[in-house]
């Protein structure tokens, strides 16, 4: 009886191990390529912020600072190195969407925050305290959870197939709601509340951004198929997606710049990341039906990973300028303040927005 039990247990154990290995190595080749590209993108983009800031500081020491309207940084080679690094990162991010689902690629953007924070601690001597380290750890844990449970990329043979997905009733309804919401925000809320409510500008950016990512993914798939020998440039759908990408990116960048110019970056970044990533995942689930290829356990695990990343991102930004002895002050319920590079307190709004207009 004991031998039988032992054998049965051994078979069950080996079966569980085989299932675990199959599950672990079940990530498709395309998903692995998308993962590597997304990680490379985070490294390049995270590093670019530090290199650009070094270039801005160097240019500001010998000319008019960018923060007060100067453009001397355009003559600084180090700033251009940072700009080129960011472009390389964005190209890698664009390519990642051609191989992996948005639910895998988009949340990994939080890793660029970690890269930036760690390099700022090493290169710029900006102290990364215990809460910052905890925020980084949460982002890593959440990202790992999503990577291990991400759905397989949908097999698509032509850009016309992507167009069919984009014109299904479910996604058309989502796109219609997004378009209506953006029009209402731009024409009704931006003139009245844009300068006082941070969610107005970020709402426009995030809503448009979710459509932008779907179009970027469609265009990336078209280019991937073209490079593999199946020319997709002959289809009008490819150029329609290109036009949508251009329109969405211009709109998105316009209102993101308005948000950054009006409100503190330390407040804009985590809120924008949360809304943009959430809406992008929702759009991807509707259009590409990512969750149809997963069981409820995988879906819940992915959502837990996403919430973990959000927690880490907020913790990292919320406490990034907290002094070592400022724990009590930072945990109070007063309006948080952050310090700029000159050590001046910066409230929720940018200081420029409080200045009276010149006579």
Protein backbone atom coordinates (compact mmCIF):
# COMPACT_ATOMS: atom_id res chain seq x y z
CA UNK A 1 0.00 0.00 0.00
CA UNK A 2 2.83 2.41 0.90
CA UNK A 3 4.71 1.60 -2.30
CA UNK A 4 1.58 2.18 -4.33
CA UNK A 5 0.97 5.49 -2.58
CA UNK A 6 4.58 6.52 -3.09
CA UNK A 7 4.44 5.66 -6.78
CA UNK A 8 1.17 7.50 -7.20
CA UNK A 9 2.56 10.52 -5.39
CA UNK A 10 5.69 10.42 -7.52
CA UNK A 11 3.64 10.32 -10.71
CA UNK A 12 1.49 13.20 -9.49
CA UNK A 13 4.58 15.21 -8.59
CA UNK A 14 6.25 14.61 -11.94
CA UNK A 15 3.01 15.45 -13.74
CA UNK A 16 2.74 18.71 -11.81
CA UNK A 17 6.37 19.49 -12.61
CA UNK A 18 5.82 18.82 -16.32
CA UNK A 19 2.73 21.01 -16.32
CA UNK A 20 4.68 23.79 -14.57
CA UNK A 21 7.52 23.55 -17.08
CA UNK A 22 5.10 23.58 -19.99
CA UNK A 23 3.34 26.58 -18.48
CA UNK A 24 6.62 28.39 -17.80
CA UNK A 25 8.15 27.73 -21.22
CA UNK A 26 4.82 28.20 -22.96
CA UNK A 27 5.66 31.82 -23.81
CA UNK A 28 5.69 32.04 -27.58
CA UNK A 29 8.70 33.19 -29.57
CA UNK A 30 6.85 36.39 -30.49
CA UNK A 31 6.10 37.10 -26.82
CA UNK A 32 9.76 36.60 -25.93
CA UNK A 33 10.82 38.99 -28.70
CA UNK A 34 8.25 41.52 -27.51
CA UNK A 35 9.45 41.13 -23.92
CA UNK A 36 13.10 41.70 -24.89
CA UNK A 37 12.17 44.75 -26.97
CA UNK A 38 10.01 46.16 -24.16
CA UNK A 39 12.80 45.68 -21.61
CA UNK A 40 15.32 47.28 -23.99
CA UNK A 41 12.92 50.18 -24.49
CA UNK A 42 12.64 50.74 -20.73
CA UNK A 43 16.43 50.71 -20.35
CA UNK A 44 16.99 53.21 -23.16
CA UNK A 45 14.15 55.53 -22.14
CA UNK A 46 15.07 55.40 -18.44
CA UNK A 47 18.71 56.18 -19.24
CA UNK A 48 17.75 58.96 -21.65
CA UNK A 49 16.15 61.04 -18.88
CA UNK A 50 19.40 61.03 -16.93
CA UNK A 51 21.61 61.81 -19.93
CA UNK A 52 19.29 64.63 -21.03
CA UNK A 53 19.24 66.08 -17.52
CA UNK A 54 23.05 66.02 -17.41
CA UNK A 55 23.05 67.82 -20.75
CA UNK A 56 20.53 70.39 -19.51
CA UNK A 57 22.61 71.08 -16.40
CA UNK A 58 25.78 71.44 -18.44
CA UNK A 59 24.07 73.76 -20.93
CA UNK A 60 22.46 75.78 -18.12
CA UNK A 61 25.86 76.39 -16.53
CA UNK A 62 27.06 78.25 -19.62
CA UNK A 63 23.83 79.68 -21.01
CA UNK A 64 20.17 80.38 -20.33
CA UNK A 65 18.41 77.48 -18.59
CA UNK A 66 15.62 75.65 -20.41
CA UNK A 67 13.31 76.19 -17.44
CA UNK A 68 13.32 79.95 -18.06
CA UNK A 69 12.98 79.75 -21.83
CA UNK A 70 16.56 79.15 -22.94
CA UNK A 71 17.56 76.87 -25.83
CA UNK A 72 21.29 76.57 -25.20
CA UNK A 73 20.81 72.83 -24.63
CA UNK A 74 20.34 72.46 -28.40
CA UNK A 75 24.07 73.12 -28.72
CA UNK A 76 24.97 70.58 -26.06
CA UNK A 77 26.08 67.17 -27.51
CA UNK A 78 25.19 65.37 -24.28
CA UNK A 79 21.56 66.46 -24.57
CA UNK A 80 21.43 65.11 -28.12
CA UNK A 81 22.88 61.80 -26.94
CA UNK A 82 20.00 61.58 -24.47
CA UNK A 83 17.50 62.51 -27.19
CA UNK A 84 18.83 59.84 -29.56
CA UNK A 85 18.75 57.31 -26.73
CA UNK A 86 15.09 58.12 -26.11
CA UNK A 87 14.28 57.74 -29.82
CA UNK A 88 15.95 54.32 -29.85
CA UNK A 89 13.85 53.35 -26.83
CA UNK A 90 10.63 54.51 -28.48
CA UNK A 91 11.47 52.57 -31.65
CA UNK A 92 12.06 49.44 -29.57
CA UNK A 93 8.74 50.02 -27.80
CA UNK A 94 7.00 50.42 -31.17
CA UNK A 95 8.52 47.13 -32.36
CA UNK A 96 7.50 45.35 -29.14
CA UNK A 97 3.82 45.93 -29.93
CA UNK A 98 4.26 44.09 -33.23
CA UNK A 99 5.26 40.91 -31.40
CA UNK A 100 3.53 40.88 -28.01
CA UNK A 101 0.06 41.83 -26.70
CA UNK A 102 -0.40 45.30 -25.24
CA UNK A 103 -1.27 43.78 -21.86
CA UNK A 104 2.35 42.56 -21.71
CA UNK A 105 4.18 45.51 -23.26
CA UNK A 106 2.41 48.55 -21.78
CA UNK A 107 2.82 47.81 -18.04
CA UNK A 108 6.55 47.17 -18.56
CA UNK A 109 6.91 50.88 -19.22
CA UNK A 110 7.07 51.27 -15.43
CA UNK A 111 10.55 49.72 -15.54
CA UNK A 112 11.89 52.88 -17.19
CA UNK A 113 10.99 54.67 -13.96
CA UNK A 114 13.14 52.22 -12.02
CA UNK A 115 16.06 52.62 -14.44
CA UNK A 116 15.77 56.39 -14.19
CA UNK A 117 15.59 56.33 -10.36
CA UNK A 118 18.57 54.00 -9.98
CA UNK A 119 20.74 55.93 -12.46
CA UNK A 120 19.74 59.23 -10.81
CA UNK A 121 20.92 57.78 -7.49
CA UNK A 122 24.25 56.67 -8.99
CA UNK A 123 25.02 59.44 -11.49
CA UNK A 124 23.12 62.51 -10.28
CA UNK A 125 23.52 61.72 -6.56
CA UNK A 126 19.76 61.97 -6.04
CA UNK A 127 19.21 59.83 -2.95
CA UNK A 128 17.06 56.71 -3.41
CA UNK A 129 15.74 56.02 0.11
CA UNK A 130 14.06 52.94 1.50
CA UNK A 131 10.59 53.78 0.15
CA UNK A 132 12.03 54.33 -3.31
CA UNK A 133 13.72 50.93 -3.17
CA UNK A 134 10.42 49.38 -2.04
CA UNK A 135 8.62 51.07 -4.96
CA UNK A 136 11.21 49.67 -7.39
CA UNK A 137 10.82 46.19 -5.89
CA UNK A 138 7.02 46.36 -6.26
CA UNK A 139 7.36 47.35 -9.92
CA UNK A 140 9.71 44.42 -10.56
CA UNK A 141 7.41 41.95 -8.80
CA UNK A 142 4.35 43.22 -10.66
CA UNK A 143 6.13 43.16 -14.02
CA UNK A 144 7.38 39.62 -13.43
CA UNK A 145 3.86 38.49 -12.53
CA UNK A 146 2.42 39.93 -15.74
CA UNK A 147 5.21 38.49 -17.89
CA UNK A 148 4.73 34.97 -16.51
CA UNK A 149 0.95 35.06 -17.05
CA UNK A 150 0.63 37.18 -20.20
CA UNK A 151 -1.57 35.79 -23.01
CA UNK A 152 -0.06 34.46 -26.21
CA UNK A 153 0.05 36.89 -29.09
CA UNK A 154 -2.82 36.46 -31.54
CA UNK A 155 -1.71 34.99 -34.85
CA UNK A 156 -2.49 37.54 -37.57
CA UNK A 157 -1.81 36.98 -41.26
CA UNK A 158 -2.60 40.39 -42.75
CA UNK A 159 -3.40 43.98 -41.84
CA UNK A 160 -6.90 43.37 -43.21
CA UNK A 161 -7.44 40.96 -40.33
CA UNK A 162 -6.47 43.70 -37.86
CA UNK A 163 -8.89 46.03 -39.63
CA UNK A 164 -11.66 43.45 -39.18
CA UNK A 165 -10.93 43.36 -35.44
CA UNK A 166 -10.94 47.17 -35.28
CA UNK A 167 -14.30 47.41 -37.03
CA UNK A 168 -16.14 44.90 -34.85
CA UNK A 169 -19.09 46.40 -32.90
CA UNK A 170 -17.38 46.14 -29.51
CA UNK A 171 -14.30 48.15 -30.45
CA UNK A 172 -16.28 50.60 -32.59
CA UNK A 173 -18.42 51.31 -29.51
CA UNK A 174 -15.27 51.85 -27.41
CA UNK A 175 -13.71 54.12 -30.07
CA UNK A 176 -16.96 56.08 -30.35
CA UNK A 177 -17.12 56.61 -26.58
CA UNK A 178 -13.46 57.71 -26.56
CA UNK A 179 -14.00 60.15 -29.44
CA UNK A 180 -17.10 61.64 -27.81
CA UNK A 181 -15.35 61.97 -24.43
CA UNK A 182 -12.29 63.63 -26.02
CA UNK A 183 -14.45 66.14 -27.93
CA UNK A 184 -16.40 67.02 -24.77
CA UNK A 185 -13.18 67.42 -22.76
CA UNK A 186 -11.46 69.57 -25.39
CA UNK A 187 -14.34 71.91 -26.15
CA UNK A 188 -16.20 72.04 -22.82
CA UNK A 189 -13.72 71.30 -20.03
CA UNK A 190 -10.28 72.35 -21.28
CA UNK A 191 -11.15 76.09 -21.62
CA UNK A 192 -12.73 76.25 -18.15
CA UNK A 193 -10.91 73.68 -16.04
CA UNK A 194 -7.69 72.81 -17.91
CA UNK A 195 -5.55 75.10 -15.76
CA UNK A 196 -7.04 73.99 -12.45
CA UNK A 197 -7.97 70.28 -12.77
CA UNK A 198 -5.16 67.90 -13.62
CA UNK A 199 -7.52 65.16 -14.84
CA UNK A 200 -8.72 67.21 -17.83
CA UNK A 201 -5.44 67.26 -19.78
CA UNK A 202 -4.46 63.78 -18.62
CA UNK A 203 -7.90 62.47 -19.54
CA UNK A 204 -7.45 63.63 -23.14
CA UNK A 205 -3.92 62.17 -23.31
CA UNK A 206 -4.95 58.81 -21.88
CA UNK A 207 -8.09 58.34 -23.97
CA UNK A 208 -6.34 59.27 -27.21
CA UNK A 209 -3.29 57.23 -26.14
CA UNK A 210 -5.30 54.00 -25.89
CA UNK A 211 -6.42 54.38 -29.53
CA UNK A 212 -2.89 55.38 -30.49
CA UNK A 213 -1.41 52.16 -29.08
CA UNK A 214 -3.96 50.01 -30.93
CA UNK A 215 -3.06 51.78 -34.17
CA UNK A 216 0.66 51.49 -33.43
CA UNK A 217 0.21 47.77 -32.86
CA UNK A 218 -1.68 47.43 -36.16
CA UNK A 219 1.00 49.38 -38.01
CA UNK A 220 3.76 47.35 -36.31
CA UNK A 221 2.11 44.10 -37.39
CA UNK A 222 1.82 45.42 -40.95
CA UNK A 223 5.53 46.29 -41.03
CA UNK A 224 6.51 42.96 -39.46
CA UNK A 225 4.57 41.05 -42.12
CA UNK A 226 6.04 43.27 -44.84
CA UNK A 227 9.60 42.60 -43.71
CA UNK A 228 8.84 38.86 -43.63
CA UNK A 229 7.90 38.92 -47.32
CA UNK A 230 4.14 39.62 -47.22
CA UNK A 231 3.82 43.20 -48.44
CA UNK A 232 1.12 45.03 -46.46
CA UNK A 233 1.90 48.48 -47.85
CA UNK A 234 -0.40 47.81 -50.79
CA UNK A 235 -3.44 47.74 -48.52
CA UNK A 236 -5.24 51.04 -47.76
CA UNK A 237 -5.82 49.86 -44.16
CA UNK A 238 -2.08 50.21 -43.46
CA UNK A 239 -2.13 53.87 -44.45
CA UNK A 240 -5.35 54.51 -42.54
CA UNK A 241 -3.70 53.15 -39.39
CA UNK A 242 -0.65 55.35 -40.14
CA UNK A 243 -2.87 58.43 -40.37
CA UNK A 244 -4.60 57.52 -37.09
CA UNK A 245 -1.23 57.06 -35.38
CA UNK A 246 0.00 60.47 -36.55
CA UNK A 247 -3.20 62.25 -35.50
CA UNK A 248 -3.36 60.56 -32.11
CA UNK A 249 0.32 61.08 -31.27
CA UNK A 250 0.19 64.80 -32.13
CA UNK A 251 -2.96 65.26 -30.00
CA UNK A 252 -1.53 63.18 -27.17
CA UNK A 253 1.79 65.06 -27.07
CA UNK A 254 0.05 68.45 -27.28
CA UNK A 255 -2.08 67.89 -24.20
CA UNK A 256 0.66 66.06 -22.31
CA UNK A 257 2.90 69.10 -22.77
CA UNK A 258 0.07 71.30 -21.49
CA UNK A 259 -0.26 69.08 -18.41
CA UNK A 260 3.50 69.13 -17.75
CA UNK A 261 3.65 72.90 -18.22
CA UNK A 262 0.73 73.50 -15.82
CA UNK A 263 1.25 70.87 -13.12
CA UNK A 264 4.18 69.30 -11.34
CA UNK A 265 5.81 66.44 -13.26
CA UNK A 266 5.96 64.35 -10.09
CA UNK A 267 2.16 64.47 -9.96
CA UNK A 268 1.48 64.17 -13.69
CA UNK A 269 3.68 61.10 -14.31
CA UNK A 270 2.04 58.51 -12.01
CA UNK A 271 -1.52 59.65 -12.78
CA UNK A 272 -0.88 59.62 -16.51
CA UNK A 273 0.80 56.21 -16.34
CA UNK A 274 -2.14 54.76 -14.41
CA UNK A 275 -4.86 56.09 -16.72
CA UNK A 276 -2.97 55.47 -19.96
CA UNK A 277 -2.02 51.89 -19.05
CA UNK A 278 -5.50 51.02 -17.74
CA UNK A 279 -7.27 52.34 -20.86
CA UNK A 280 -4.72 50.69 -23.17
CA UNK A 281 -5.25 47.31 -21.53
CA UNK A 282 -9.03 47.79 -21.79
CA UNK A 283 -8.76 48.70 -25.50
CA UNK A 284 -6.53 45.69 -26.17
CA UNK A 285 -8.90 43.34 -24.36
CA UNK A 286 -11.81 44.63 -26.46
CA UNK A 287 -10.04 44.72 -29.82
CA UNK A 288 -7.68 41.74 -29.68
CA UNK A 289 -9.72 39.74 -27.15
CA UNK A 290 -6.62 38.92 -25.08
CA UNK A 291 -8.62 37.47 -22.21
CA UNK A 292 -10.53 35.03 -24.44
CA UNK A 293 -7.34 32.94 -24.56
CA UNK A 294 -6.91 32.87 -20.78
CA UNK A 295 -8.62 31.34 -17.77
CA UNK A 296 -9.96 33.43 -14.84
CA UNK A 297 -6.95 32.59 -12.66
CA UNK A 298 -4.51 34.03 -15.20
CA UNK A 299 -6.63 37.16 -15.65
CA UNK A 300 -6.87 37.80 -11.89
CA UNK A 301 -3.12 37.21 -11.51
CA UNK A 302 -2.38 39.72 -14.28
CA UNK A 303 -4.60 42.30 -12.62
CA UNK A 304 -2.84 41.72 -9.30
CA UNK A 305 0.49 42.25 -11.06
CA UNK A 306 -0.81 45.45 -12.62
CA UNK A 307 -2.03 46.78 -9.27
CA UNK A 308 1.36 45.92 -7.77
CA UNK A 309 3.10 47.96 -10.49
CA UNK A 310 0.75 50.88 -9.87
CA UNK A 311 1.47 50.72 -6.14
CA UNK A 312 5.21 50.74 -6.77
CA UNK A 313 4.95 53.61 -9.25
CA UNK A 314 2.90 55.78 -6.89
CA UNK A 315 5.17 54.99 -3.95
CA UNK A 316 8.27 55.84 -5.98
CA UNK A 317 6.87 59.18 -7.17
CA UNK A 318 5.11 60.08 -3.93
CA UNK A 319 8.26 59.78 -1.84
CA UNK A 320 10.99 60.41 -4.40
CA UNK A 321 11.97 63.78 -2.89
CA UNK A 322 11.28 62.86 0.72
CA UNK A 323 14.26 63.66 2.99
CA UNK A 324 15.67 60.90 5.12
CA UNK A 325 14.22 62.45 8.29
CA UNK A 326 10.96 63.57 6.68
CA UNK A 327 8.91 60.43 7.30
CA UNK A 328 6.37 62.07 9.59
CA UNK A 329 5.87 65.04 7.30
CA UNK A 330 5.51 62.84 4.20
CA UNK A 331 2.93 60.62 5.81
CA UNK A 332 0.74 63.53 6.86
CA UNK A 333 -2.40 64.45 4.98
CA UNK A 334 -1.18 67.86 3.89
CA UNK A 335 -0.68 68.81 0.23
CA UNK A 336 2.53 67.07 -0.86
CA UNK A 337 5.41 69.21 -1.97
CA UNK A 338 8.42 68.25 -4.02
CA UNK A 339 11.77 69.93 -4.44
CA UNK A 340 13.19 71.07 -7.72
CA UNK A 341 16.90 70.98 -8.45
CA UNK A 342 17.34 74.37 -6.74
CA UNK A 343 15.74 73.11 -3.54
CA UNK A 344 12.57 75.19 -3.81
CA UNK A 345 9.24 73.70 -2.77
CA UNK A 346 6.92 72.83 -5.66
CA UNK A 347 3.20 72.32 -4.93
CA UNK A 348 0.67 70.36 -6.96
CA UNK A 349 0.55 73.13 -9.55
CA UNK A 350 3.60 74.42 -11.38
CA UNK A 351 4.80 77.71 -9.89
CA UNK A 352 4.46 79.42 -13.27
CA UNK A 353 0.70 78.85 -13.15
CA UNK A 354 0.42 81.02 -10.02
CA UNK A 355 2.12 84.04 -11.52
CA UNK A 356 0.02 87.04 -12.38
CA UNK A 357 0.01 87.97 -16.06
CA UNK A 358 2.48 90.65 -17.03
CA UNK A 359 0.96 94.11 -17.53
